[in-house]
């Protein structure tokens, strides 16, 4: 085990389990020195277990299945269950200097400086115990009313890098506060609507209550705000119209996405194992990869991946 960094992610819903082999492979290939932990809301499907074994990936990851034990059956809906990742403690995470919470549908690519170095540098620069970005600050919303979507207010992004011991020591009490609130049989509708209809707002609330400080600026308004994807985000193919709206007039974010897409294409064309993993994916995964390629006009891939 490498104690420096653990990459952790959350998988909610059976069909999203299909991303697990590609996610694990991308990290094993590009950052073999990082450990991986994946938290799954259900039992892992036999098909995914078979793929992990077949491609020699099972020993590269710790997978925690069916993590909603009796202790957390009070979580009432899908959004609250997604908030759970910000309330997780234990599972050996405290053995690492840093933990990076990523998205399961990102294919991680090698970068220089490394993923770890980028975020440690940003933590030191901002004098915070985590690295993330606010989607939209209240100040920027007021200055740009009519040009910004208020749904992005009071939200950190879902890609969250933390300095393990300092961060969890700081937020522990407020994690307990949020858990106790969510367990109440009668709750405040206004608070629920403001902070528990989106897991990124729950993360913002956790750090606000913990007086943990926030990075400056709004991610939705500036390509200069630090929040790298570290790979191609296949959500482009899942919410095509939304991404088209976001990226059409945003050259900085568009450039970042295209860079990662081209890196993925390069790996795909050079790596037979990656191609086999893609072709062994579910129809749902293949369809999203294909739509992502269409979005970026990725002729290198879109003609090869068939979803019929």
Protein backbone atom coordinates (compact mmCIF):
# COMPACT_ATOMS: atom_id res chain seq x y z
CA UNK A 1 0.00 0.00 0.00
CA UNK A 2 1.16 3.50 -0.85
CA UNK A 3 0.23 5.76 2.08
CA UNK A 4 0.51 8.98 0.12
CA UNK A 5 -2.77 9.09 -1.83
CA UNK A 6 -5.97 7.09 -2.03
CA UNK A 7 -8.35 7.74 -4.92
CA UNK A 8 -11.88 7.05 -3.70
CA UNK A 9 -15.18 7.13 -5.52
CA UNK A 10 -18.81 6.30 -5.06
CA UNK A 11 -21.04 4.16 -7.30
CA UNK A 12 -24.79 4.53 -6.93
CA UNK A 13 -27.06 2.45 -9.15
CA UNK A 14 -26.49 -0.86 -10.91
CA UNK A 15 -25.76 0.54 -14.38
CA UNK A 16 -22.98 2.80 -13.05
CA UNK A 17 -21.08 -0.26 -11.87
CA UNK A 18 -20.19 -0.69 -15.54
CA UNK A 19 -17.63 2.13 -15.22
CA UNK A 20 -15.66 0.38 -12.47
CA UNK A 21 -13.29 -1.72 -14.65
CA UNK A 22 -12.36 1.25 -16.87
CA UNK A 23 -11.86 3.53 -13.87
CA UNK A 24 -9.64 1.05 -12.03
CA UNK A 25 -7.67 0.27 -15.19
CA UNK A 26 -7.04 3.95 -15.94
CA UNK A 27 -5.55 4.53 -12.47
CA UNK A 28 -3.59 1.28 -12.43
CA UNK A 29 -2.11 2.15 -15.84
CA UNK A 30 -1.35 5.83 -15.28
CA UNK A 31 -0.81 6.09 -11.50
CA UNK A 32 0.05 2.60 -10.20
CA UNK A 33 1.45 4.16 -7.02
CA UNK A 34 -2.02 5.36 -5.92
CA UNK A 35 -4.43 3.12 -4.01
CA UNK A 36 -8.10 2.86 -4.98
CA UNK A 37 -11.24 2.46 -2.87
CA UNK A 38 -14.72 2.21 -4.39
CA UNK A 39 -17.94 2.38 -2.37
CA UNK A 40 -20.95 0.66 -3.95
CA UNK A 41 -24.54 1.00 -2.76
CA UNK A 42 -25.52 -2.53 -3.87
CA UNK A 43 -23.83 -5.90 -4.28
CA UNK A 44 -21.29 -5.87 -7.10
CA UNK A 45 -22.69 -7.62 -10.16
CA UNK A 46 -21.20 -10.96 -11.20
CA UNK A 47 -20.41 -9.49 -14.62
CA UNK A 48 -18.27 -6.72 -13.14
CA UNK A 49 -16.51 -9.17 -10.82
CA UNK A 50 -15.76 -11.35 -13.83
CA UNK A 51 -14.28 -8.42 -15.79
CA UNK A 52 -12.13 -7.33 -12.86
CA UNK A 53 -10.78 -10.87 -12.52
CA UNK A 54 -10.34 -11.40 -16.26
CA UNK A 55 -8.32 -8.21 -16.69
CA UNK A 56 -6.28 -8.73 -13.51
CA UNK A 57 -7.79 -5.71 -11.75
CA UNK A 58 -9.34 -7.25 -8.62
CA UNK A 59 -6.19 -6.93 -6.53
CA UNK A 60 -5.77 -3.27 -7.54
CA UNK A 61 -8.84 -1.97 -5.72
CA UNK A 62 -10.74 -2.25 -2.44
CA UNK A 63 -14.46 -2.42 -3.20
CA UNK A 64 -16.97 -1.97 -0.38
CA UNK A 65 -20.32 -3.42 -1.42
CA UNK A 66 -23.81 -2.74 -0.13
CA UNK A 67 -22.57 -0.05 2.22
CA UNK A 68 -26.01 1.11 3.37
CA UNK A 69 -26.10 -0.90 6.58
CA UNK A 70 -28.87 -0.70 9.17
CA UNK A 71 -27.16 2.41 10.53
CA UNK A 72 -27.95 4.38 7.37
CA UNK A 73 -31.35 3.04 6.31
CA UNK A 74 -32.81 6.41 7.36
CA UNK A 75 -31.47 8.06 4.19
CA UNK A 76 -34.73 8.84 2.42
CA UNK A 77 -33.99 9.33 -1.26
CA UNK A 78 -31.37 9.03 -3.97
CA UNK A 79 -29.91 12.50 -3.40
CA UNK A 80 -29.47 11.96 0.33
CA UNK A 81 -27.76 8.65 -0.40
CA UNK A 82 -25.36 10.45 -2.71
CA UNK A 83 -24.63 12.91 0.12
CA UNK A 84 -23.38 9.94 2.12
CA UNK A 85 -19.95 10.05 0.45
CA UNK A 86 -19.21 13.35 2.21
CA UNK A 87 -20.17 11.79 5.56
CA UNK A 88 -18.08 8.62 5.21
CA UNK A 89 -15.43 7.97 7.82
CA UNK A 90 -13.25 4.97 8.50
CA UNK A 91 -12.61 2.30 5.85
CA UNK A 92 -8.88 2.83 6.29
CA UNK A 93 -8.94 6.31 4.76
CA UNK A 94 -7.03 7.71 7.73
CA UNK A 95 -3.97 5.69 6.68
CA UNK A 96 -3.39 8.05 3.77
CA UNK A 97 -1.89 11.51 3.70
CA UNK A 98 -4.43 12.57 1.07
CA UNK A 99 -7.75 11.32 -0.31
CA UNK A 100 -9.14 12.32 -3.70
CA UNK A 101 -12.86 11.81 -4.25
CA UNK A 102 -13.39 11.44 -7.99
CA UNK A 103 -16.22 10.54 -10.37
CA UNK A 104 -16.55 6.94 -11.52
CA UNK A 105 -17.23 7.96 -15.14
CA UNK A 106 -13.87 9.68 -15.66
CA UNK A 107 -11.02 7.87 -17.40
CA UNK A 108 -7.91 9.13 -15.57
CA UNK A 109 -4.88 10.02 -17.72
CA UNK A 110 -1.24 10.64 -16.82
CA UNK A 111 -0.31 14.28 -16.26
CA UNK A 112 2.80 16.26 -15.42
CA UNK A 113 2.76 17.50 -12.68
CA UNK A 114 0.92 14.48 -11.31
CA UNK A 115 -2.61 14.53 -9.93
CA UNK A 116 -1.18 14.46 -6.40
CA UNK A 117 1.34 17.24 -7.00
CA UNK A 118 -1.24 19.54 -8.61
CA UNK A 119 -3.60 19.39 -5.65
CA UNK A 120 -0.93 19.55 -2.94
CA UNK A 121 0.41 22.69 -4.63
CA UNK A 122 -3.09 24.19 -4.70
CA UNK A 123 -3.71 23.32 -1.02
CA UNK A 124 -0.48 25.10 -0.09
CA UNK A 125 -1.29 28.06 -2.32
CA UNK A 126 -4.79 28.54 -0.87
CA UNK A 127 -3.80 27.65 2.70
CA UNK A 128 -6.76 25.25 2.93
CA UNK A 129 -6.99 21.60 3.94
CA UNK A 130 -8.75 20.66 0.70
CA UNK A 131 -8.65 21.41 -3.02
CA UNK A 132 -11.91 22.07 -4.85
CA UNK A 133 -13.82 24.94 -6.46
CA UNK A 134 -17.05 26.79 -5.74
CA UNK A 135 -19.36 26.50 -8.73
CA UNK A 136 -20.85 29.97 -8.25
CA UNK A 137 -20.27 32.46 -5.43
CA UNK A 138 -23.08 34.73 -4.27
CA UNK A 139 -20.95 37.77 -5.19
CA UNK A 140 -20.44 36.54 -8.76
CA UNK A 141 -24.11 35.65 -9.10
CA UNK A 142 -25.20 39.15 -8.06
CA UNK A 143 -22.71 40.78 -10.45
CA UNK A 144 -23.71 38.52 -13.33
CA UNK A 145 -27.43 38.08 -12.74
CA UNK A 146 -29.12 37.01 -15.93
CA UNK A 147 -25.94 35.40 -17.24
CA UNK A 148 -25.51 32.73 -14.57
CA UNK A 149 -27.68 29.87 -13.35
CA UNK A 150 -28.61 30.20 -9.68
CA UNK A 151 -28.67 26.40 -9.39
CA UNK A 152 -24.87 26.59 -9.14
CA UNK A 153 -25.01 28.72 -5.97
CA UNK A 154 -23.69 27.28 -2.69
CA UNK A 155 -22.09 24.28 -4.37
CA UNK A 156 -18.59 22.86 -4.34
CA UNK A 157 -17.83 20.47 -7.19
CA UNK A 158 -17.95 16.70 -6.77
CA UNK A 159 -14.18 16.33 -7.33
CA UNK A 160 -12.81 16.78 -3.83
CA UNK A 161 -9.16 16.38 -2.75
CA UNK A 162 -8.45 16.51 0.98
CA UNK A 163 -5.48 16.58 3.33
CA UNK A 164 -6.79 13.62 5.26
CA UNK A 165 -6.04 14.20 8.94
CA UNK A 166 -6.49 17.97 8.97
CA UNK A 167 -9.67 17.88 6.89
CA UNK A 168 -11.53 15.11 8.70
CA UNK A 169 -10.54 16.46 12.10
CA UNK A 170 -12.03 19.81 11.06
CA UNK A 171 -15.32 18.48 9.63
CA UNK A 172 -15.99 15.52 11.96
CA UNK A 173 -18.33 17.33 14.37
CA UNK A 174 -20.35 18.86 11.54
CA UNK A 175 -20.56 15.50 9.78
CA UNK A 176 -22.28 14.31 12.95
CA UNK A 177 -24.51 17.40 12.96
CA UNK A 178 -25.66 16.73 9.39
CA UNK A 179 -26.23 13.03 10.10
CA UNK A 180 -28.37 13.87 13.15
CA UNK A 181 -30.38 16.35 11.09
CA UNK A 182 -30.99 13.85 8.29
CA UNK A 183 -32.12 11.26 10.85
CA UNK A 184 -34.91 13.52 12.14
CA UNK A 185 -38.44 12.41 11.30
CA UNK A 186 -39.57 16.05 10.94
CA UNK A 187 -37.26 18.39 9.08
CA UNK A 188 -37.23 21.96 7.80
CA UNK A 189 -38.44 22.04 4.18
CA UNK A 190 -36.45 25.17 3.39
CA UNK A 191 -33.18 23.64 4.63
CA UNK A 192 -33.94 20.39 2.80
CA UNK A 193 -34.62 22.25 -0.43
CA UNK A 194 -31.53 24.42 -0.14
CA UNK A 195 -28.90 21.89 0.92
CA UNK A 196 -30.15 18.32 0.45
CA UNK A 197 -31.45 18.31 -3.11
CA UNK A 198 -27.90 18.19 -4.44
CA UNK A 199 -24.92 16.39 -2.89
CA UNK A 200 -22.57 19.22 -3.95
CA UNK A 201 -24.60 21.61 -1.79
CA UNK A 202 -24.29 19.20 1.11
CA UNK A 203 -20.51 19.32 0.66
CA UNK A 204 -20.61 23.14 0.60
CA UNK A 205 -22.71 23.13 3.78
CA UNK A 206 -20.34 20.74 5.55
CA UNK A 207 -17.36 23.01 4.91
CA UNK A 208 -19.34 26.16 5.72
CA UNK A 209 -20.51 24.81 9.08
CA UNK A 210 -16.97 23.61 9.81
CA UNK A 211 -15.61 27.13 9.12
CA UNK A 212 -13.18 25.45 6.78
CA UNK A 213 -12.76 28.32 4.35
CA UNK A 214 -13.41 28.40 0.60
CA UNK A 215 -11.27 28.98 -2.50
CA UNK A 216 -11.79 32.28 -4.32
CA UNK A 217 -13.77 32.77 -7.51
CA UNK A 218 -16.49 30.86 -9.35
CA UNK A 219 -15.74 27.79 -11.45
CA UNK A 220 -18.75 28.31 -13.72
CA UNK A 221 -17.54 31.78 -14.71
CA UNK A 222 -13.81 31.37 -15.13
CA UNK A 223 -11.59 28.90 -16.95
CA UNK A 224 -8.78 30.03 -14.66
CA UNK A 225 -10.32 28.42 -11.56
CA UNK A 226 -8.45 25.26 -10.54
CA UNK A 227 -10.62 22.17 -10.74
CA UNK A 228 -9.00 19.74 -13.19
CA UNK A 229 -10.87 16.66 -14.34
CA UNK A 230 -7.64 14.63 -14.69
CA UNK A 231 -9.24 12.69 -17.51
CA UNK A 232 -12.07 12.43 -20.02
CA UNK A 233 -15.44 12.84 -18.32
CA UNK A 234 -17.99 10.63 -20.05
CA UNK A 235 -20.83 12.62 -18.51
CA UNK A 236 -20.58 14.56 -21.77
CA UNK A 237 -22.30 11.63 -23.46
CA UNK A 238 -24.84 11.22 -20.65
CA UNK A 239 -26.07 14.83 -20.53
CA UNK A 240 -25.22 15.88 -24.08
CA UNK A 241 -27.43 18.99 -24.32
CA UNK A 242 -26.33 20.38 -20.95
CA UNK A 243 -22.64 20.03 -21.79
CA UNK A 244 -23.18 21.54 -25.22
CA UNK A 245 -24.72 24.61 -23.58
CA UNK A 246 -21.90 24.88 -21.03
CA UNK A 247 -18.98 24.40 -23.40
CA UNK A 248 -20.13 26.19 -26.55
CA UNK A 249 -19.17 29.63 -25.21
CA UNK A 250 -16.49 28.49 -22.76
CA UNK A 251 -13.21 28.14 -24.61
CA UNK A 252 -11.12 27.41 -21.49
CA UNK A 253 -13.23 24.50 -20.23
CA UNK A 254 -13.74 23.28 -23.79
CA UNK A 255 -9.98 23.18 -24.32
CA UNK A 256 -9.49 21.17 -21.12
CA UNK A 257 -12.15 18.62 -22.05
CA UNK A 258 -10.77 18.24 -25.57
CA UNK A 259 -7.23 17.75 -24.23
CA UNK A 260 -8.36 14.85 -22.06
CA UNK A 261 -10.45 13.39 -24.86
CA UNK A 262 -7.46 13.39 -27.20
CA UNK A 263 -5.33 11.74 -24.52
CA UNK A 264 -7.95 9.03 -24.13
CA UNK A 265 -8.07 8.49 -27.91
CA UNK A 266 -4.29 8.17 -27.99
CA UNK A 267 -4.32 5.56 -25.21
CA UNK A 268 -7.21 3.73 -26.86
CA UNK A 269 -5.37 3.39 -30.15
CA UNK A 270 -2.14 2.22 -28.51
CA UNK A 271 -3.53 -0.06 -25.80
CA UNK A 272 -5.10 -3.37 -26.78
CA UNK A 273 -6.19 -4.09 -23.20
CA UNK A 274 -8.10 -0.81 -23.03
CA UNK A 275 -9.84 -1.59 -26.32
CA UNK A 276 -10.88 -5.01 -25.02
CA UNK A 277 -12.20 -3.46 -21.81
CA UNK A 278 -14.28 -0.99 -23.80
CA UNK A 279 -15.70 -3.69 -26.07
CA UNK A 280 -16.60 -5.83 -23.04
CA UNK A 281 -18.56 -2.98 -21.47
CA UNK A 282 -22.34 -2.91 -21.22
CA UNK A 283 -24.52 -1.41 -23.94
CA UNK A 284 -25.21 1.53 -21.62
CA UNK A 285 -21.49 2.28 -21.21
CA UNK A 286 -20.77 1.82 -24.93
CA UNK A 287 -23.60 4.18 -25.84
CA UNK A 288 -22.27 6.93 -23.57
CA UNK A 289 -18.69 6.51 -24.82
CA UNK A 290 -19.98 6.68 -28.40
CA UNK A 291 -22.00 9.84 -27.68
CA UNK A 292 -18.96 11.42 -26.02
CA UNK A 293 -16.94 10.68 -29.15
CA UNK A 294 -19.69 12.20 -31.30
CA UNK A 295 -19.66 15.30 -29.11
CA UNK A 296 -15.94 15.82 -29.71
CA UNK A 297 -16.18 14.64 -33.33
CA UNK A 298 -13.86 11.82 -32.34
CA UNK A 299 -13.68 9.94 -35.62
CA UNK A 300 -10.86 7.79 -34.20
CA UNK A 301 -13.36 6.00 -31.99
CA UNK A 302 -16.96 6.59 -32.92
CA UNK A 303 -16.90 4.42 -36.05
CA UNK A 304 -15.44 1.47 -34.13
CA UNK A 305 -17.74 1.37 -31.12
CA UNK A 306 -21.02 -0.29 -31.98
CA UNK A 307 -23.98 -0.25 -29.63
CA UNK A 308 -26.48 -2.29 -31.65
